[in-house]
Amino acid sequence: MIQNKKRKEVTLDANIIELLELQAKREGRKLKNFMEYVLCEKANDFQLTEDYKKMMDKTLDDFDKGNIKFKDWDAVKKEMYKNDV
């Protein structure tokens, strides 16, 4: 089975690393394995609520009707910083 994995770097406070290492040892895991496990569990724990689904349906409907306008990140940054100059 071929797995499509991406590598990401994470920077954490030394105290957080120490706590994670302790938890990993308690579970008989290496730190990296423990962190991957925790992140996978958290990602798979996400559940869509009915309220969230309704809100997203309304947002998509408003977008389709042209009631919502989106700007790309560069345009937003220009607006944010134009008053700083």
PDB file of N, CA and C in Angstrom:
ATOM      1  N   MET A   1       0.845  -1.184   0.000  1.00  0.00           N
ATOM      2  CA  MET A   1       0.000   0.000   0.000  1.00  0.00           C
ATOM      3  C   MET A   1       0.887   1.244   0.000  1.00  0.00           C
ATOM      4  N   ILE A   2       0.723   2.096  -0.996  1.00  0.00           N
ATOM      5  CA  ILE A   2       1.504   3.323  -1.106  1.00  0.00           C
ATOM      6  C   ILE A   2       0.815   4.418  -0.308  1.00  0.00           C
ATOM      7  N   GLN A   3       1.576   5.082   0.556  1.00  0.00           N
ATOM      8  CA  GLN A   3       1.027   6.154   1.370  1.00  0.00           C
ATOM      9  C   GLN A   3       1.548   7.483   0.863  1.00  0.00           C
ATOM     10  N   ASN A   4       0.666   8.456   0.782  1.00  0.00           N
ATOM     11  CA  ASN A   4       1.031   9.795   0.363  1.00  0.00           C
ATOM     12  C   ASN A   4       1.237  10.630   1.620  1.00  0.00           C
ATOM     13  N   LYS A   5       2.478  10.828   2.003  1.00  0.00           N
ATOM     14  CA  LYS A   5       2.789  11.566   3.218  1.00  0.00           C
ATOM     15  C   LYS A   5       3.523  12.847   2.873  1.00  0.00           C
ATOM     16  N   LYS A   6       3.323  13.862   3.698  1.00  0.00           N
ATOM     17  CA  LYS A   6       4.038  15.128   3.562  1.00  0.00           C
ATOM     18  C   LYS A   6       4.826  15.369   4.829  1.00  0.00           C
ATOM     19  N   ARG A   7       5.948  15.969   4.681  1.00  0.00           N
ATOM     20  CA  ARG A   7       6.808  16.289   5.815  1.00  0.00           C
ATOM     21  C   ARG A   7       6.591  17.745   6.199  1.00  0.00           C
ATOM     22  N   LYS A   8       6.366  18.006   7.488  1.00  0.00           N
ATOM     23  CA  LYS A   8       6.179  19.364   7.998  1.00  0.00           C
ATOM     24  C   LYS A   8       7.057  19.557   9.217  1.00  0.00           C
ATOM     25  N   GLU A   9       7.627  20.720   9.339  1.00  0.00           N
ATOM     26  CA  GLU A   9       8.439  21.035  10.507  1.00  0.00           C
ATOM     27  C   GLU A   9       7.572  21.761  11.518  1.00  0.00           C
ATOM     28  N   VAL A  10       7.734  21.394  12.786  1.00  0.00           N
ATOM     29  CA  VAL A  10       6.977  22.020  13.862  1.00  0.00           C
ATOM     30  C   VAL A  10       7.968  22.532  14.892  1.00  0.00           C
ATOM     31  N   THR A  11       7.785  23.769  15.321  1.00  0.00           N
ATOM     32  CA  THR A  11       8.632  24.354  16.348  1.00  0.00           C
ATOM     33  C   THR A  11       7.813  24.497  17.617  1.00  0.00           C
ATOM     34  N   LEU A  12       8.278  23.857  18.682  1.00  0.00           N
ATOM     35  CA  LEU A  12       7.565  23.871  19.950  1.00  0.00           C
ATOM     36  C   LEU A  12       8.489  24.311  21.075  1.00  0.00           C
ATOM     37  N   ASP A  13       7.904  24.877  22.102  1.00  0.00           N
ATOM     38  CA  ASP A  13       8.626  25.274  23.295  1.00  0.00           C
ATOM     39  C   ASP A  13       9.272  24.041  23.938  1.00  0.00           C
ATOM     40  N   ALA A  14      10.428  24.212  24.519  1.00  0.00           N
ATOM     41  CA  ALA A  14      11.152  23.093  25.138  1.00  0.00           C
ATOM     42  C   ALA A  14      10.325  22.405  26.215  1.00  0.00           C
ATOM     43  N   ASN A  15       9.545  23.160  26.975  1.00  0.00           N
ATOM     44  CA  ASN A  15       8.700  22.557  28.018  1.00  0.00           C
ATOM     45  C   ASN A  15       7.635  21.650  27.417  1.00  0.00           C
ATOM     46  N   ILE A  16       7.087  22.044  26.287  1.00  0.00           N
ATOM     47  CA  ILE A  16       6.076  21.232  25.616  1.00  0.00           C
ATOM     48  C   ILE A  16       6.710  19.928  25.134  1.00  0.00           C
ATOM     49  N   ILE A  17       7.907  20.020  24.581  1.00  0.00           N
ATOM     50  CA  ILE A  17       8.611  18.822  24.117  1.00  0.00           C
ATOM     51  C   ILE A  17       8.839  17.865  25.282  1.00  0.00           C
ATOM     52  N   GLU A  18       9.257  18.389  26.419  1.00  0.00           N
ATOM     53  CA  GLU A  18       9.489  17.548  27.591  1.00  0.00           C
ATOM     54  C   GLU A  18       8.210  16.832  28.018  1.00  0.00           C
ATOM     55  N   LEU A  19       7.094  17.564  28.036  1.00  0.00           N
ATOM     56  CA  LEU A  19       5.812  16.955  28.412  1.00  0.00           C
ATOM     57  C   LEU A  19       5.403  15.872  27.422  1.00  0.00           C
ATOM     58  N   LEU A  20       5.594  16.149  26.137  1.00  0.00           N
ATOM     59  CA  LEU A  20       5.252  15.163  25.119  1.00  0.00           C
ATOM     60  C   LEU A  20       6.146  13.926  25.228  1.00  0.00           C
ATOM     61  N   GLU A  21       7.418  14.137  25.532  1.00  0.00           N
ATOM     62  CA  GLU A  21       8.327  12.999  25.697  1.00  0.00           C
ATOM     63  C   GLU A  21       7.894  12.117  26.862  1.00  0.00           C
ATOM     64  N   LEU A  22       7.474  12.735  27.967  1.00  0.00           N
ATOM     65  CA  LEU A  22       6.991  11.964  29.115  1.00  0.00           C
ATOM     66  C   LEU A  22       5.762  11.140  28.748  1.00  0.00           C
ATOM     67  N   GLN A  23       4.830  11.761  28.037  1.00  0.00           N
ATOM     68  CA  GLN A  23       3.615  11.048  27.635  1.00  0.00           C
ATOM     69  C   GLN A  23       3.943   9.915  26.674  1.00  0.00           C
ATOM     70  N   ALA A  24       4.878  10.176  25.761  1.00  0.00           N
ATOM     71  CA  ALA A  24       5.278   9.149  24.794  1.00  0.00           C
ATOM     72  C   ALA A  24       5.884   7.949  25.523  1.00  0.00           C
ATOM     73  N   LYS A  25       6.751   8.210  26.490  1.00  0.00           N
ATOM     74  CA  LYS A  25       7.381   7.126  27.248  1.00  0.00           C
ATOM     75  C   LYS A  25       6.337   6.307  28.001  1.00  0.00           C
ATOM     76  N   ARG A  26       5.348   6.973  28.568  1.00  0.00           N
ATOM     77  CA  ARG A  26       4.280   6.266  29.287  1.00  0.00           C
ATOM     78  C   ARG A  26       3.542   5.302  28.383  1.00  0.00           C
ATOM     79  N   GLU A  27       3.439   5.652  27.105  1.00  0.00           N
ATOM     80  CA  GLU A  27       2.731   4.797  26.148  1.00  0.00           C
ATOM     81  C   GLU A  27       3.676   3.862  25.394  1.00  0.00           C
ATOM     82  N   GLY A  28       4.961   3.892  25.753  1.00  0.00           N
ATOM     83  CA  GLY A  28       5.923   3.025  25.085  1.00  0.00           C
ATOM     84  C   GLY A  28       6.205   3.427  23.656  1.00  0.00           C
ATOM     85  N   ARG A  29       6.149   4.711  23.365  1.00  0.00           N
ATOM     86  CA  ARG A  29       6.363   5.218  22.013  1.00  0.00           C
ATOM     87  C   ARG A  29       7.560   6.156  21.986  1.00  0.00           C
ATOM     88  N   LYS A  30       8.118   6.328  20.812  1.00  0.00           N
ATOM     89  CA  LYS A  30       9.109   7.369  20.578  1.00  0.00           C
ATOM     90  C   LYS A  30       8.347   8.688  20.407  1.00  0.00           C
ATOM     91  N   LEU A  31       9.028   9.800  20.641  1.00  0.00           N
ATOM     92  CA  LEU A  31       8.377  11.108  20.576  1.00  0.00           C
ATOM     93  C   LEU A  31       7.717  11.348  19.219  1.00  0.00           C
ATOM     94  N   LYS A  32       8.450  11.120  18.142  1.00  0.00           N
ATOM     95  CA  LYS A  32       7.903  11.377  16.799  1.00  0.00           C
ATOM     96  C   LYS A  32       6.650  10.533  16.549  1.00  0.00           C
ATOM     97  N   ASN A  33       6.719   9.254  16.905  1.00  0.00           N
ATOM     98  CA  ASN A  33       5.581   8.373  16.725  1.00  0.00           C
ATOM     99  C   ASN A  33       4.386   8.850  17.555  1.00  0.00           C
ATOM    100  N   PHE A  34       4.644   9.266  18.781  1.00  0.00           N
ATOM    101  CA  PHE A  34       3.577   9.745  19.653  1.00  0.00           C
ATOM    102  C   PHE A  34       2.924  10.999  19.076  1.00  0.00           C
ATOM    103  N   MET A  35       3.744  11.937  18.603  1.00  0.00           N
ATOM    104  CA  MET A  35       3.200  13.172  18.035  1.00  0.00           C
ATOM    105  C   MET A  35       2.359  12.875  16.791  1.00  0.00           C
ATOM    106  N   GLU A  36       2.826  11.972  15.935  1.00  0.00           N
ATOM    107  CA  GLU A  36       2.053  11.599  14.751  1.00  0.00           C
ATOM    108  C   GLU A  36       0.725  10.963  15.158  1.00  0.00           C
ATOM    109  N   TYR A  37       0.777  10.101  16.159  1.00  0.00           N
ATOM    110  CA  TYR A  37      -0.432   9.439  16.658  1.00  0.00           C
ATOM    111  C   TYR A  37      -1.442  10.465  17.183  1.00  0.00           C
ATOM    112  N   VAL A  38      -0.977  11.393  18.027  1.00  0.00           N
ATOM    113  CA  VAL A  38      -1.863  12.406  18.613  1.00  0.00           C
ATOM    114  C   VAL A  38      -2.486  13.274  17.526  1.00  0.00           C
ATOM    115  N   LEU A  39      -1.688  13.686  16.562  1.00  0.00           N
ATOM    116  CA  LEU A  39      -2.201  14.534  15.484  1.00  0.00           C
ATOM    117  C   LEU A  39      -3.213  13.795  14.608  1.00  0.00           C
ATOM    118  N   CYS A  40      -2.947  12.526  14.323  1.00  0.00           N
ATOM    119  CA  CYS A  40      -3.897  11.729  13.530  1.00  0.00           C
ATOM    120  C   CYS A  40      -5.203  11.548  14.279  1.00  0.00           C
ATOM    121  N   GLU A  41      -5.112  11.258  15.563  1.00  0.00           N
ATOM    122  CA  GLU A  41      -6.322  11.102  16.382  1.00  0.00           C
ATOM    123  C   GLU A  41      -7.133  12.388  16.392  1.00  0.00           C
ATOM    124  N   LYS A  42      -6.465  13.506  16.576  1.00  0.00           N
ATOM    125  CA  LYS A  42      -7.148  14.808  16.622  1.00  0.00           C
ATOM    126  C   LYS A  42      -7.801  15.125  15.282  1.00  0.00           C
ATOM    127  N   ALA A  43      -7.097  14.873  14.200  1.00  0.00           N
ATOM    128  CA  ALA A  43      -7.633  15.161  12.866  1.00  0.00           C
ATOM    129  C   ALA A  43      -8.852  14.296  12.566  1.00  0.00           C
ATOM    130  N   ASN A  44      -8.800  13.043  12.950  1.00  0.00           N
ATOM    131  CA  ASN A  44      -9.912  12.133  12.678  1.00  0.00           C
ATOM    132  C   ASN A  44     -11.071  12.298  13.637  1.00  0.00           C
ATOM    133  N   ASP A  45     -10.876  13.064  14.696  1.00  0.00           N
ATOM    134  CA  ASP A  45     -11.908  13.292  15.700  1.00  0.00           C
ATOM    135  C   ASP A  45     -12.889  14.381  15.269  1.00  0.00           C
ATOM    136  N   PHE A  46     -12.570  15.096  14.206  1.00  0.00           N
ATOM    137  CA  PHE A  46     -13.396  16.217  13.753  1.00  0.00           C
ATOM    138  C   PHE A  46     -14.759  15.727  13.286  1.00  0.00           C
ATOM    139  N   GLN A  47     -15.812  16.309  13.834  1.00  0.00           N
ATOM    140  CA  GLN A  47     -17.176  15.946  13.460  1.00  0.00           C
ATOM    141  C   GLN A  47     -17.930  17.202  13.032  1.00  0.00           C
ATOM    142  N   LEU A  48     -18.598  17.119  11.911  1.00  0.00           N
ATOM    143  CA  LEU A  48     -19.401  18.240  11.458  1.00  0.00           C
ATOM    144  C   LEU A  48     -20.734  18.252  12.191  1.00  0.00           C
ATOM    145  N   THR A  49     -21.070  19.396  12.784  1.00  0.00           N
ATOM    146  CA  THR A  49     -22.359  19.527  13.449  1.00  0.00           C
ATOM    147  C   THR A  49     -23.392  19.981  12.427  1.00  0.00           C
ATOM    148  N   GLU A  50     -24.648  19.807  12.761  1.00  0.00           N
ATOM    149  CA  GLU A  50     -25.728  20.259  11.866  1.00  0.00           C
ATOM    150  C   GLU A  50     -25.688  21.773  11.696  1.00  0.00           C
ATOM    151  N   ASP A  51     -25.397  22.502  12.771  1.00  0.00           N
ATOM    152  CA  ASP A  51     -25.309  23.962  12.679  1.00  0.00           C
ATOM    153  C   ASP A  51     -24.189  24.381  11.733  1.00  0.00           C
ATOM    154  N   TYR A  52     -23.048  23.691  11.811  1.00  0.00           N
ATOM    155  CA  TYR A  52     -21.929  24.010  10.925  1.00  0.00           C
ATOM    156  C   TYR A  52     -22.301  23.727   9.474  1.00  0.00           C
ATOM    157  N   LYS A  53     -22.956  22.597   9.234  1.00  0.00           N
ATOM    158  CA  LYS A  53     -23.380  22.255   7.869  1.00  0.00           C
ATOM    159  C   LYS A  53     -24.342  23.296   7.313  1.00  0.00           C
ATOM    160  N   LYS A  54     -25.292  23.741   8.132  1.00  0.00           N
ATOM    161  CA  LYS A  54     -26.252  24.773   7.690  1.00  0.00           C
ATOM    162  C   LYS A  54     -25.528  26.072   7.375  1.00  0.00           C
ATOM    163  N   MET A  55     -24.576  26.459   8.235  1.00  0.00           N
ATOM    164  CA  MET A  55     -23.836  27.690   8.024  1.00  0.00           C
ATOM    165  C   MET A  55     -23.026  27.612   6.728  1.00  0.00           C
ATOM    166  N   MET A  56     -22.385  26.473   6.477  1.00  0.00           N
ATOM    167  CA  MET A  56     -21.605  26.321   5.253  1.00  0.00           C
ATOM    168  C   MET A  56     -22.497  26.298   4.015  1.00  0.00           C
ATOM    169  N   ASP A  57     -23.655  25.632   4.104  1.00  0.00           N
ATOM    170  CA  ASP A  57     -24.594  25.623   2.978  1.00  0.00           C
ATOM    171  C   ASP A  57     -25.048  27.038   2.648  1.00  0.00           C
ATOM    172  N   LYS A  58     -25.345  27.833   3.686  1.00  0.00           N
ATOM    173  CA  LYS A  58     -25.768  29.222   3.471  1.00  0.00           C
ATOM    174  C   LYS A  58     -24.632  30.029   2.858  1.00  0.00           C
ATOM    175  N   THR A  59     -23.418  29.845   3.357  1.00  0.00           N
ATOM    176  CA  THR A  59     -22.263  30.567   2.826  1.00  0.00           C
ATOM    177  C   THR A  59     -22.027  30.224   1.359  1.00  0.00           C
ATOM    178  N   LEU A  60     -22.083  28.956   1.018  1.00  0.00           N
ATOM    179  CA  LEU A  60     -21.894  28.546  -0.378  1.00  0.00           C
ATOM    180  C   LEU A  60     -23.016  29.070  -1.270  1.00  0.00           C
ATOM    181  N   ASP A  61     -24.236  29.067  -0.768  1.00  0.00           N
ATOM    182  CA  ASP A  61     -25.369  29.601  -1.513  1.00  0.00           C
ATOM    183  C   ASP A  61     -25.197  31.103  -1.752  1.00  0.00           C
ATOM    184  N   ASP A  62     -24.788  31.825  -0.701  1.00  0.00           N
ATOM    185  CA  ASP A  62     -24.543  33.262  -0.846  1.00  0.00           C
ATOM    186  C   ASP A  62     -23.424  33.532  -1.843  1.00  0.00           C
ATOM    187  N   PHE A  63     -22.389  32.703  -1.828  1.00  0.00           N
ATOM    188  CA  PHE A  63     -21.291  32.861  -2.776  1.00  0.00           C
ATOM    189  C   PHE A  63     -21.777  32.638  -4.200  1.00  0.00           C
ATOM    190  N   ASP A  64     -22.572  31.583  -4.402  1.00  0.00           N
ATOM    191  CA  ASP A  64     -23.113  31.281  -5.738  1.00  0.00           C
ATOM    192  C   ASP A  64     -23.979  32.421  -6.257  1.00  0.00           C
ATOM    193  N   LYS A  65     -24.678  33.097  -5.362  1.00  0.00           N
ATOM    194  CA  LYS A  65     -25.558  34.210  -5.747  1.00  0.00           C
ATOM    195  C   LYS A  65     -24.799  35.527  -5.900  1.00  0.00           C
ATOM    196  N   GLY A  66     -23.507  35.518  -5.594  1.00  0.00           N
ATOM    197  CA  GLY A  66     -22.712  36.739  -5.717  1.00  0.00           C
ATOM    198  C   GLY A  66     -22.828  37.666  -4.526  1.00  0.00           C
ATOM    199  N   ASN A  67     -23.383  37.194  -3.431  1.00  0.00           N
ATOM    200  CA  ASN A  67     -23.549  38.027  -2.237  1.00  0.00           C
ATOM    201  C   ASN A  67     -22.283  38.085  -1.381  1.00  0.00           C
ATOM    202  N   ILE A  68     -21.332  37.235  -1.671  1.00  0.00           N
ATOM    203  CA  ILE A  68     -20.081  37.207  -0.921  1.00  0.00           C
ATOM    204  C   ILE A  68     -18.945  37.392  -1.904  1.00  0.00           C
ATOM    205  N   LYS A  69     -18.049  38.289  -1.562  1.00  0.00           N
ATOM    206  CA  LYS A  69     -16.881  38.549  -2.397  1.00  0.00           C
ATOM    207  C   LYS A  69     -15.638  38.156  -1.614  1.00  0.00           C
ATOM    208  N   PHE A  70     -14.745  37.434  -2.242  1.00  0.00           N
ATOM    209  CA  PHE A  70     -13.490  37.044  -1.614  1.00  0.00           C
ATOM    210  C   PHE A  70     -12.350  37.805  -2.269  1.00  0.00           C
ATOM    211  N   LYS A  71     -11.320  38.085  -1.472  1.00  0.00           N
ATOM    212  CA  LYS A  71     -10.111  38.729  -1.985  1.00  0.00           C
ATOM    213  C   LYS A  71      -8.943  37.789  -1.740  1.00  0.00           C
ATOM    214  N   ASP A  72      -7.959  37.844  -2.636  1.00  0.00           N
ATOM    215  CA  ASP A  72      -6.779  37.025  -2.400  1.00  0.00           C
ATOM    216  C   ASP A  72      -5.940  37.662  -1.287  1.00  0.00           C
ATOM    217  N   TRP A  73      -5.034  36.880  -0.731  1.00  0.00           N
ATOM    218  CA  TRP A  73      -4.257  37.303   0.425  1.00  0.00           C
ATOM    219  C   TRP A  73      -3.435  38.559   0.148  1.00  0.00           C
ATOM    220  N   ASP A  74      -2.885  38.693  -1.058  1.00  0.00           N
ATOM    221  CA  ASP A  74      -2.103  39.885  -1.389  1.00  0.00           C
ATOM    222  C   ASP A  74      -2.952  41.144  -1.337  1.00  0.00           C
ATOM    223  N   ALA A  75      -4.190  41.069  -1.811  1.00  0.00           N
ATOM    224  CA  ALA A  75      -5.087  42.227  -1.761  1.00  0.00           C
ATOM    225  C   ALA A  75      -5.433  42.591  -0.316  1.00  0.00           C
ATOM    226  N   VAL A  76      -5.643  41.603   0.507  1.00  0.00           N
ATOM    227  CA  VAL A  76      -5.948  41.851   1.919  1.00  0.00           C
ATOM    228  C   VAL A  76      -4.764  42.523   2.602  1.00  0.00           C
ATOM    229  N   LYS A  77      -3.548  42.014   2.338  1.00  0.00           N
ATOM    230  CA  LYS A  77      -2.353  42.612   2.947  1.00  0.00           C
ATOM    231  C   LYS A  77      -2.189  44.069   2.518  1.00  0.00           C
ATOM    232  N   LYS A  78      -2.441  44.365   1.246  1.00  0.00           N
ATOM    233  CA  LYS A  78      -2.330  45.745   0.766  1.00  0.00           C
ATOM    234  C   LYS A  78      -3.300  46.637   1.523  1.00  0.00           C
ATOM    235  N   GLU A  79      -4.515  46.193   1.726  1.00  0.00           N
ATOM    236  CA  GLU A  79      -5.494  46.982   2.462  1.00  0.00           C
ATOM    237  C   GLU A  79      -5.092  47.164   3.917  1.00  0.00           C
ATOM    238  N   MET A  80      -4.556  46.119   4.511  1.00  0.00           N
ATOM    239  CA  MET A  80      -4.154  46.196   5.911  1.00  0.00           C
ATOM    240  C   MET A  80      -3.009  47.192   6.126  1.00  0.00           C
ATOM    241  N   TYR A  81      -2.062  47.190   5.207  1.00  0.00           N
ATOM    242  CA  TYR A  81      -0.847  47.975   5.394  1.00  0.00           C
ATOM    243  C   TYR A  81      -0.885  49.344   4.748  1.00  0.00           C
ATOM    244  N   LYS A  82      -1.904  49.649   3.969  1.00  0.00           N
ATOM    245  CA  LYS A  82      -1.919  50.955   3.310  1.00  0.00           C
ATOM    246  C   LYS A  82      -2.075  52.094   4.322  1.00  0.00           C
ATOM    247  N   ASN A  83      -2.698  51.812   5.460  1.00  0.00           N
ATOM    248  CA  ASN A  83      -2.869  52.837   6.485  1.00  0.00           C
ATOM    249  C   ASN A  83      -1.638  52.975   7.377  1.00  0.00           C
ATOM    250  N   ASP A  84      -0.726  52.016   7.309  1.00  0.00           N
ATOM    251  CA  ASP A  84       0.481  52.058   8.128  1.00  0.00           C
ATOM    252  C   ASP A  84       1.574  52.931   7.522  1.00  0.00           C
ATOM    253  N   VAL A  85       1.456  53.240   6.249  1.00  0.00           N
ATOM    254  CA  VAL A  85       2.517  53.980   5.556  1.00  0.00           C
ATOM    255  C   VAL A  85       2.406  55.449   5.816  1.00  0.00           C
TER     256      VAL A  85
END
